[in-house]
Amino acid sequence: MEEVNHWTTVVKCNLCGEIPRNAPLYHCPLQHQYCIDCYTDLKRRYRGYLKSGATCVICKISGVFTQSNINTHFLNKIKAKPGIGRPYRYNANQIVSGKGCTNNFSRIETKEQDRENITIEGLFQLPTEDLKRLLGRKNGYSTPFTTKEPQPLGIIPKANSRNLPSHQSKIPIKCPHKFCKKVVAPSTFVTHFKHEHSTIPKYSVERGKELCIPCDVSIIEHYSNFCLAMITVYEFNKIDVKHSHSSQSVIKTCGKFSQQVPIDSFWLMVTGSSERKPNVSSAIYWMFCPSEERYQITIELCSKHDSISLSTFCEVHNSCQKLKFNDIASCLHCLLVSQASFGALLQEGPELNLRITIH
């Protein structure tokens, strides 16, 4: 509300640009606003699988639109009395009383705040340097865009303080793998998979590095979760010897601490839809981590010779209770592949390549 100079700018429809006559208003996942008529038209043109879903014409994101709490009386009041907004009501300008005046005030205008623009860093929720390395990757290696400034002690700092999770949720988790359904504590989730599901492949990969996993689509079952792999992600404590200004003894001592530091464990899952008709049947690939920390992931499914590929950039699913197909698909934390897409990928051979990068 700090940058809004009038209430009419708050309730305008982003599609028709008019103040709606009737409530409620509807918002897309990125909070773009639509009136009832425009929202009804968007639902009519929507061809997705979500019930009551629509596609935003501004951000092109599909999902279930949320309903606002504004009422029709307020909309009519704004149209009848456009001065209800009071432009100076919500800004931070100081009001100073003049000397010898009781009713006259002089406003000291502060510097106008820069409007928040949508940036690539904000959309991907990654620092600029990490995003440049991700977009600059070519043929398996990343192009160095920037050079890091020398550190006083010669130790390269870790990427973020979120690397070490503060504490995991203590709510018991129902094992999502096939028909196990055992209730497991989050602290023993790794142990449960090592002993109860020992046949599941286990991988270890450095954070930000690509992991290629062979993918067998014959294991996918309708309305059933299947764990493809358990992945442990780690980072390195590195010593920048070239730019270090410390003595050799200090560098040698710090070098002993250069080792792999585990961050978290992740479970790569695949879930088949409940629909069995070929034209609507699909499957989703998603990553699960029972942690309160938020991670991003790149999932890419390729044909045998990498001539066809499907990819997505999304968040790792961390909800311990919503682990069904509709729950995962509705929050878009997955790579959705239709049955027709599987047919195109399998034309080169029965073996597919599944590439995972955890950011």
Protein backbone atom coordinates (compact mmCIF):
# COMPACT_ATOMS: atom_id res chain seq x y z
CA MET A 1 0.00 0.00 0.00
CA GLU A 2 3.00 2.36 0.34
CA GLU A 3 3.24 3.02 -3.41
CA VAL A 4 -0.47 3.08 -4.22
CA ASN A 5 -1.76 6.63 -4.64
CA HIS A 6 -5.43 5.75 -4.99
CA TRP A 7 -7.82 2.95 -4.06
CA THR A 8 -8.98 2.75 -7.69
CA THR A 9 -5.57 1.40 -8.69
CA VAL A 10 -5.97 -1.42 -6.18
CA VAL A 11 -9.28 -2.80 -7.44
CA LYS A 12 -8.82 -2.41 -11.21
CA CYS A 13 -8.90 -5.54 -13.34
CA ASN A 14 -5.54 -6.24 -14.99
CA LEU A 15 -7.24 -7.46 -18.19
CA CYS A 16 -10.04 -4.98 -18.96
CA GLY A 17 -8.61 -2.12 -16.87
CA GLU A 18 -11.99 -1.28 -15.33
CA ILE A 19 -13.25 -1.15 -11.75
CA PRO A 20 -15.58 -4.16 -11.50
CA ARG A 21 -19.19 -3.70 -10.53
CA ASN A 22 -19.49 -6.93 -8.57
CA ALA A 23 -17.27 -8.79 -6.10
CA PRO A 24 -15.26 -10.92 -5.57
CA LEU A 25 -12.00 -10.37 -7.44
CA TYR A 26 -9.63 -13.20 -8.38
CA HIS A 27 -5.84 -13.35 -8.23
CA CYS A 28 -3.41 -15.57 -10.14
CA PRO A 29 -0.46 -17.25 -8.32
CA LEU A 30 1.58 -14.04 -8.89
CA GLN A 31 -1.29 -11.84 -7.59
CA HIS A 32 -2.44 -10.38 -10.93
CA GLN A 33 -6.06 -9.31 -10.44
CA TYR A 34 -9.14 -10.10 -12.55
CA CYS A 35 -12.83 -9.27 -12.32
CA ILE A 36 -15.53 -11.95 -12.42
CA ASP A 37 -16.25 -11.55 -16.14
CA CYS A 38 -12.60 -11.75 -17.18
CA TYR A 39 -11.95 -14.65 -14.81
CA THR A 40 -14.92 -16.55 -16.27
CA ASP A 41 -13.54 -15.99 -19.75
CA LEU A 42 -10.08 -17.21 -18.67
CA LYS A 43 -11.59 -20.40 -17.23
CA ARG A 44 -13.52 -20.98 -20.45
CA ARG A 45 -10.31 -20.75 -22.51
CA TYR A 46 -8.28 -22.88 -20.08
CA ARG A 47 -7.27 -26.31 -21.42
CA GLY A 48 -5.38 -27.63 -18.41
CA TYR A 49 -6.13 -30.43 -15.99
CA LEU A 50 -6.71 -28.36 -12.84
CA LYS A 51 -10.30 -28.05 -11.69
CA SER A 52 -11.45 -24.39 -11.80
CA GLY A 53 -8.00 -23.48 -13.12
CA ALA A 54 -7.05 -20.66 -15.48
CA THR A 55 -4.01 -19.16 -17.18
CA CYS A 56 -2.93 -15.61 -16.37
CA VAL A 57 -2.54 -13.50 -19.54
CA ILE A 58 0.21 -11.41 -17.92
CA CYS A 59 2.59 -13.93 -16.32
CA LYS A 60 1.38 -16.96 -18.39
CA ILE A 61 1.22 -19.11 -15.24
CA SER A 62 -1.61 -21.63 -14.89
CA GLY A 63 -3.16 -22.51 -11.57
CA VAL A 64 -6.15 -22.10 -9.29
CA PHE A 65 -6.95 -18.43 -8.78
CA THR A 66 -7.58 -17.21 -5.23
CA GLN A 67 -10.63 -15.20 -4.29
CA SER A 68 -10.29 -11.81 -2.58
CA ASN A 69 -12.31 -10.61 0.41
CA ILE A 70 -13.40 -7.30 -1.12
CA ASN A 71 -17.16 -6.67 -1.22
CA THR A 72 -19.50 -5.10 -3.76
CA HIS A 73 -20.43 -2.19 -1.47
CA PHE A 74 -16.81 -1.06 -1.32
CA LEU A 75 -16.50 -1.20 -5.13
CA ASN A 76 -19.62 0.91 -5.58
CA LYS A 77 -18.33 3.41 -3.02
CA ILE A 78 -15.06 3.82 -4.90
CA LYS A 79 -16.86 4.42 -8.21
CA ALA A 80 -19.21 6.97 -6.61
CA LYS A 81 -16.54 8.77 -4.52
CA PRO A 82 -13.13 8.51 -6.23
CA GLY A 83 -11.49 10.70 -3.57
CA ILE A 84 -11.78 7.97 -0.93
CA GLY A 85 -8.17 6.97 -1.54
CA ARG A 86 -6.59 10.12 -0.06
CA PRO A 87 -3.26 9.96 -1.97
CA TYR A 88 -1.05 11.01 0.98
CA ARG A 89 -2.57 8.60 3.43
CA TYR A 90 -0.23 5.67 2.82
CA ASN A 91 3.13 7.30 2.08
CA ALA A 92 5.91 8.07 4.53
CA ASN A 93 6.14 11.84 3.90
CA GLN A 94 6.67 13.84 7.08
CA ILE A 95 4.12 16.46 8.11
CA VAL A 96 5.68 19.48 9.86
CA SER A 97 3.65 22.23 11.46
CA GLY A 98 4.63 25.76 10.38
CA LYS A 99 5.46 28.41 12.99
CA GLY A 100 2.48 30.54 14.02
CA CYS A 101 0.04 28.43 12.00
CA THR A 102 -2.50 26.07 13.46
CA ASN A 103 -4.23 24.68 10.37
CA ASN A 104 -1.56 24.98 7.66
CA PHE A 105 0.98 22.23 7.29
CA SER A 106 3.97 21.96 4.96
CA ARG A 107 4.91 18.56 3.65
CA ILE A 108 8.55 17.63 3.30
CA GLU A 109 8.66 15.40 0.27
CA THR A 110 10.98 12.49 0.70
CA LYS A 111 12.82 10.86 -2.16
CA GLU A 112 10.49 8.63 -4.11
CA GLN A 113 11.13 4.99 -3.47
CA ASP A 114 12.25 2.89 -6.39
CA ARG A 115 9.48 0.67 -7.58
CA GLU A 116 10.10 -3.04 -7.27
CA ASN A 117 10.63 -4.53 -10.70
CA ILE A 118 10.34 -8.18 -11.55
CA THR A 119 13.86 -9.53 -12.04
CA ILE A 120 15.26 -12.90 -13.10
CA GLU A 121 16.90 -13.21 -9.69
CA GLY A 122 13.52 -12.74 -8.01
CA LEU A 123 11.79 -15.27 -10.25
CA PHE A 124 14.44 -17.96 -9.78
CA GLN A 125 15.13 -17.00 -6.12
CA LEU A 126 18.87 -17.28 -6.70
CA PRO A 127 21.78 -14.86 -6.24
CA THR A 128 23.08 -13.15 -9.37
CA GLU A 129 26.37 -15.09 -9.45
CA ASP A 130 24.65 -18.48 -9.12
CA LEU A 131 22.17 -17.52 -11.83
CA LYS A 132 24.97 -16.49 -14.22
CA ARG A 133 26.75 -19.79 -13.66
CA LEU A 134 23.49 -21.68 -14.27
CA LEU A 135 22.65 -19.82 -17.49
CA GLY A 136 26.25 -19.81 -18.71
CA ARG A 137 26.67 -23.57 -18.55
CA LYS A 138 27.79 -25.05 -21.89
CA ASN A 139 28.57 -28.66 -22.70
CA GLY A 140 28.89 -29.73 -19.09
CA TYR A 141 31.01 -26.84 -17.80
CA SER A 142 30.14 -23.38 -16.54
CA THR A 143 31.61 -20.15 -17.90
CA PRO A 144 33.20 -17.93 -15.24
CA PHE A 145 31.47 -14.57 -15.40
CA THR A 146 32.92 -12.96 -12.31
CA THR A 147 36.02 -13.24 -10.19
CA LYS A 148 35.63 -13.42 -6.46
CA GLU A 149 37.27 -10.80 -4.30
CA PRO A 150 40.11 -12.03 -2.09
CA GLN A 151 39.07 -12.96 1.42
CA PRO A 152 41.12 -11.85 4.44
CA LEU A 153 41.68 -15.36 5.77
CA GLY A 154 41.76 -17.08 2.38
CA ILE A 155 38.64 -19.11 3.10
CA ILE A 156 35.86 -19.04 0.54
CA PRO A 157 32.60 -18.56 2.45
CA LYS A 158 29.72 -20.95 2.04
CA ALA A 159 26.89 -20.09 -0.30
CA ASN A 160 24.31 -19.35 2.37
CA SER A 161 23.56 -19.81 6.03
CA ARG A 162 20.57 -21.95 5.04
CA ASN A 163 22.94 -24.77 4.03
CA LEU A 164 22.67 -26.22 7.50
CA PRO A 165 18.98 -26.62 8.35
CA SER A 166 17.95 -25.16 11.68
CA HIS A 167 15.58 -27.93 12.69
CA GLN A 168 13.29 -30.30 10.89
CA SER A 169 9.62 -30.66 11.50
CA LYS A 170 8.79 -33.23 14.16
CA ILE A 171 5.53 -34.28 12.52
CA PRO A 172 5.71 -38.00 11.59
CA ILE A 173 5.82 -38.74 7.87
CA LYS A 174 3.95 -41.49 6.08
CA CYS A 175 6.45 -43.14 3.75
CA PRO A 176 5.45 -42.19 0.17
CA HIS A 177 7.23 -45.09 -1.56
CA LYS A 178 4.69 -47.41 -3.24
CA PHE A 179 2.57 -49.24 -0.66
CA CYS A 180 4.86 -48.88 2.36
CA LYS A 181 2.75 -46.26 4.20
CA LYS A 182 4.77 -46.68 7.40
CA VAL A 183 4.76 -43.68 9.74
CA VAL A 184 8.36 -42.55 10.21
CA ALA A 185 9.89 -39.72 12.21
CA PRO A 186 11.77 -37.15 10.07
CA SER A 187 14.99 -37.80 11.99
CA THR A 188 14.91 -41.51 11.02
CA PHE A 189 13.67 -41.05 7.45
CA VAL A 190 17.12 -41.76 5.96
CA THR A 191 17.58 -44.85 8.15
CA HIS A 192 14.14 -46.12 7.14
CA PHE A 193 15.03 -46.05 3.44
CA LYS A 194 18.44 -47.63 4.00
CA HIS A 195 16.96 -50.65 5.79
CA GLU A 196 13.37 -50.96 4.55
CA HIS A 197 14.03 -49.96 0.93
CA SER A 198 17.64 -50.99 0.44
CA THR A 199 17.18 -51.66 -3.30
CA ILE A 200 16.61 -47.98 -4.08
CA PRO A 201 19.76 -46.46 -5.68
CA LYS A 202 21.69 -43.98 -3.56
CA TYR A 203 23.69 -41.10 -4.99
CA SER A 204 25.91 -38.35 -3.63
CA VAL A 205 26.41 -35.11 -5.56
CA GLU A 206 27.86 -31.66 -4.98
CA ARG A 207 25.39 -28.82 -4.75
CA GLY A 208 24.87 -27.13 -8.12
CA LYS A 209 26.35 -30.07 -10.04
CA GLU A 210 24.34 -32.13 -12.52
CA LEU A 211 23.43 -35.75 -11.71
CA CYS A 212 22.35 -38.07 -14.54
CA ILE A 213 20.17 -41.04 -13.54
CA PRO A 214 18.91 -43.80 -15.87
CA CYS A 215 15.13 -43.71 -16.01
CA ASP A 216 12.82 -46.70 -16.52
CA VAL A 217 9.25 -45.61 -17.30
CA SER A 218 7.84 -49.13 -16.91
CA ILE A 219 7.77 -48.72 -13.11
CA ILE A 220 5.21 -45.90 -13.24
CA GLU A 221 1.80 -46.89 -11.88
CA HIS A 222 -1.44 -44.95 -11.81
CA TYR A 223 -2.03 -43.03 -8.57
CA SER A 224 1.07 -44.50 -6.95
CA ASN A 225 4.35 -42.95 -5.75
CA PHE A 226 7.65 -44.62 -6.58
CA CYS A 227 11.04 -43.54 -5.25
CA LEU A 228 13.65 -43.51 -8.02
CA ALA A 229 16.68 -42.54 -5.94
CA MET A 230 17.89 -41.16 -2.62
CA ILE A 231 20.34 -38.28 -3.14
CA THR A 232 22.69 -36.75 -0.58
CA VAL A 233 23.84 -33.22 -1.43
CA TYR A 234 27.08 -31.83 -0.04
CA GLU A 235 29.38 -28.80 -0.31
CA PHE A 236 33.13 -28.33 -0.01
CA ASN A 237 34.98 -26.17 2.48
CA LYS A 238 37.58 -24.72 0.13
CA ILE A 239 40.73 -22.70 0.75
CA ASP A 240 41.59 -19.94 -1.72
CA VAL A 241 45.37 -20.34 -1.67
CA LYS A 242 46.01 -17.99 -4.59
CA HIS A 243 44.46 -14.90 -3.01
CA SER A 244 45.24 -15.73 0.59
CA HIS A 245 47.40 -13.29 2.55
CA SER A 246 47.89 -15.69 5.44
CA SER A 247 51.05 -17.59 6.26
CA GLN A 248 51.72 -21.08 4.95
CA SER A 249 51.16 -22.57 8.39
CA VAL A 250 47.68 -21.04 8.59
CA ILE A 251 46.85 -22.22 5.05
CA LYS A 252 48.09 -25.72 5.86
CA THR A 253 46.00 -25.84 9.03
CA CYS A 254 42.88 -24.58 7.26
CA GLY A 255 43.49 -27.07 4.45
CA LYS A 256 42.81 -29.91 6.86
CA PHE A 257 39.22 -28.68 7.14
CA SER A 258 38.68 -28.75 3.37
CA GLN A 259 36.21 -31.60 3.13
CA GLN A 260 32.71 -32.55 2.09
CA VAL A 261 29.96 -31.06 4.25
CA PRO A 262 26.56 -32.83 3.89
CA ILE A 263 23.65 -30.43 3.47
CA ASP A 264 20.50 -32.55 3.18
CA SER A 265 19.05 -35.77 1.80
CA PHE A 266 16.52 -35.74 -1.04
CA TRP A 267 14.18 -38.35 -2.51
CA LEU A 268 13.50 -38.37 -6.25
CA MET A 269 9.93 -39.51 -6.85
CA VAL A 270 7.65 -40.30 -9.79
CA THR A 271 3.86 -40.44 -9.50
CA GLY A 272 1.27 -41.58 -12.01
CA SER A 273 -2.04 -39.80 -12.44
CA SER A 274 -5.36 -41.35 -11.50
CA GLU A 275 -6.67 -40.81 -15.04
CA ARG A 276 -6.16 -43.84 -17.28
CA LYS A 277 -7.38 -42.42 -20.60
CA PRO A 278 -4.43 -42.00 -23.01
CA ASN A 279 -5.33 -38.40 -23.87
CA VAL A 280 -5.32 -37.22 -20.23
CA SER A 281 -2.98 -39.72 -18.55
CA SER A 282 0.31 -38.30 -17.26
CA ALA A 283 3.07 -38.66 -14.68
CA ILE A 284 5.06 -36.19 -12.58
CA TYR A 285 8.70 -36.23 -11.50
CA TRP A 286 9.35 -34.38 -8.25
CA MET A 287 11.81 -34.10 -5.39
CA PHE A 288 10.95 -34.52 -1.72
CA CYS A 289 12.90 -33.31 1.32
CA PRO A 290 11.36 -33.32 4.83
CA SER A 291 13.14 -30.11 5.82
CA GLU A 292 12.02 -26.59 6.65
CA GLU A 293 14.67 -25.17 4.33
CA ARG A 294 13.65 -24.21 0.79
CA TYR A 295 15.63 -25.62 -2.13
CA GLN A 296 15.29 -25.19 -5.89
CA ILE A 297 15.80 -27.95 -8.41
CA THR A 298 16.20 -28.38 -12.17
CA ILE A 299 14.65 -31.57 -13.59
CA GLU A 300 15.32 -32.60 -17.20
CA LEU A 301 13.99 -35.77 -18.85
CA CYS A 302 15.72 -36.62 -22.15
CA SER A 303 15.48 -39.31 -24.79
CA LYS A 304 18.23 -41.90 -25.19
CA HIS A 305 20.36 -39.72 -27.51
CA ASP A 306 19.26 -36.39 -25.94
CA SER A 307 17.53 -35.21 -29.11
CA ILE A 308 14.26 -34.58 -27.22
CA SER A 309 14.08 -33.19 -23.70
CA LEU A 310 11.56 -31.83 -21.21
CA SER A 311 12.75 -29.70 -18.31
CA THR A 312 11.53 -27.51 -15.47
CA PHE A 313 12.87 -25.33 -12.67
CA CYS A 314 10.86 -25.58 -9.47
CA GLU A 315 11.04 -25.89 -5.70
CA VAL A 316 11.70 -29.07 -3.77
CA HIS A 317 8.49 -30.28 -2.14
CA ASN A 318 8.85 -30.17 1.65
CA SER A 319 5.29 -30.75 2.85
CA CYS A 320 5.09 -33.91 4.92
CA GLN A 321 1.33 -34.35 4.57
CA LYS A 322 0.48 -33.57 0.92
CA LEU A 323 2.27 -36.24 -1.10
CA LYS A 324 -0.41 -37.24 -3.62
CA PHE A 325 -0.54 -36.53 -7.36
CA ASN A 326 -3.04 -33.68 -7.19
CA ASP A 327 -1.25 -32.01 -4.26
CA ILE A 328 2.12 -32.02 -6.03
CA ALA A 329 0.73 -30.96 -9.40
CA SER A 330 -1.39 -28.13 -7.99
CA CYS A 331 1.61 -26.37 -6.43
CA LEU A 332 3.71 -26.85 -9.63
CA HIS A 333 6.67 -28.42 -7.77
CA CYS A 334 7.21 -31.03 -10.48
CA LEU A 335 7.90 -31.93 -14.09
CA LEU A 336 4.64 -33.09 -15.68
CA VAL A 337 4.97 -35.49 -18.63
CA SER A 338 1.94 -36.65 -20.61
CA GLN A 339 1.55 -40.11 -22.12
CA ALA A 340 2.03 -38.66 -25.61
CA SER A 341 5.31 -37.04 -24.50
CA PHE A 342 6.54 -40.38 -23.16
CA GLY A 343 5.79 -41.90 -26.56
CA ALA A 344 7.93 -39.28 -28.31
CA LEU A 345 10.80 -39.73 -25.84
CA LEU A 346 10.79 -43.52 -26.17
CA GLN A 347 11.12 -43.50 -29.96
CA GLU A 348 14.93 -43.52 -29.66
CA GLY A 349 14.99 -46.39 -27.18
CA PRO A 350 13.54 -47.67 -23.89
CA GLU A 351 16.23 -45.97 -21.77
CA LEU A 352 15.67 -42.33 -20.81
CA ASN A 353 18.11 -39.94 -19.14
CA LEU A 354 16.91 -38.07 -16.05
CA ARG A 355 19.17 -35.16 -15.06
CA ILE A 356 18.88 -33.52 -11.65
CA THR A 357 20.53 -30.31 -10.36
CA ILE A 358 19.85 -29.15 -6.80
CA HIS A 359 20.53 -25.45 -6.23
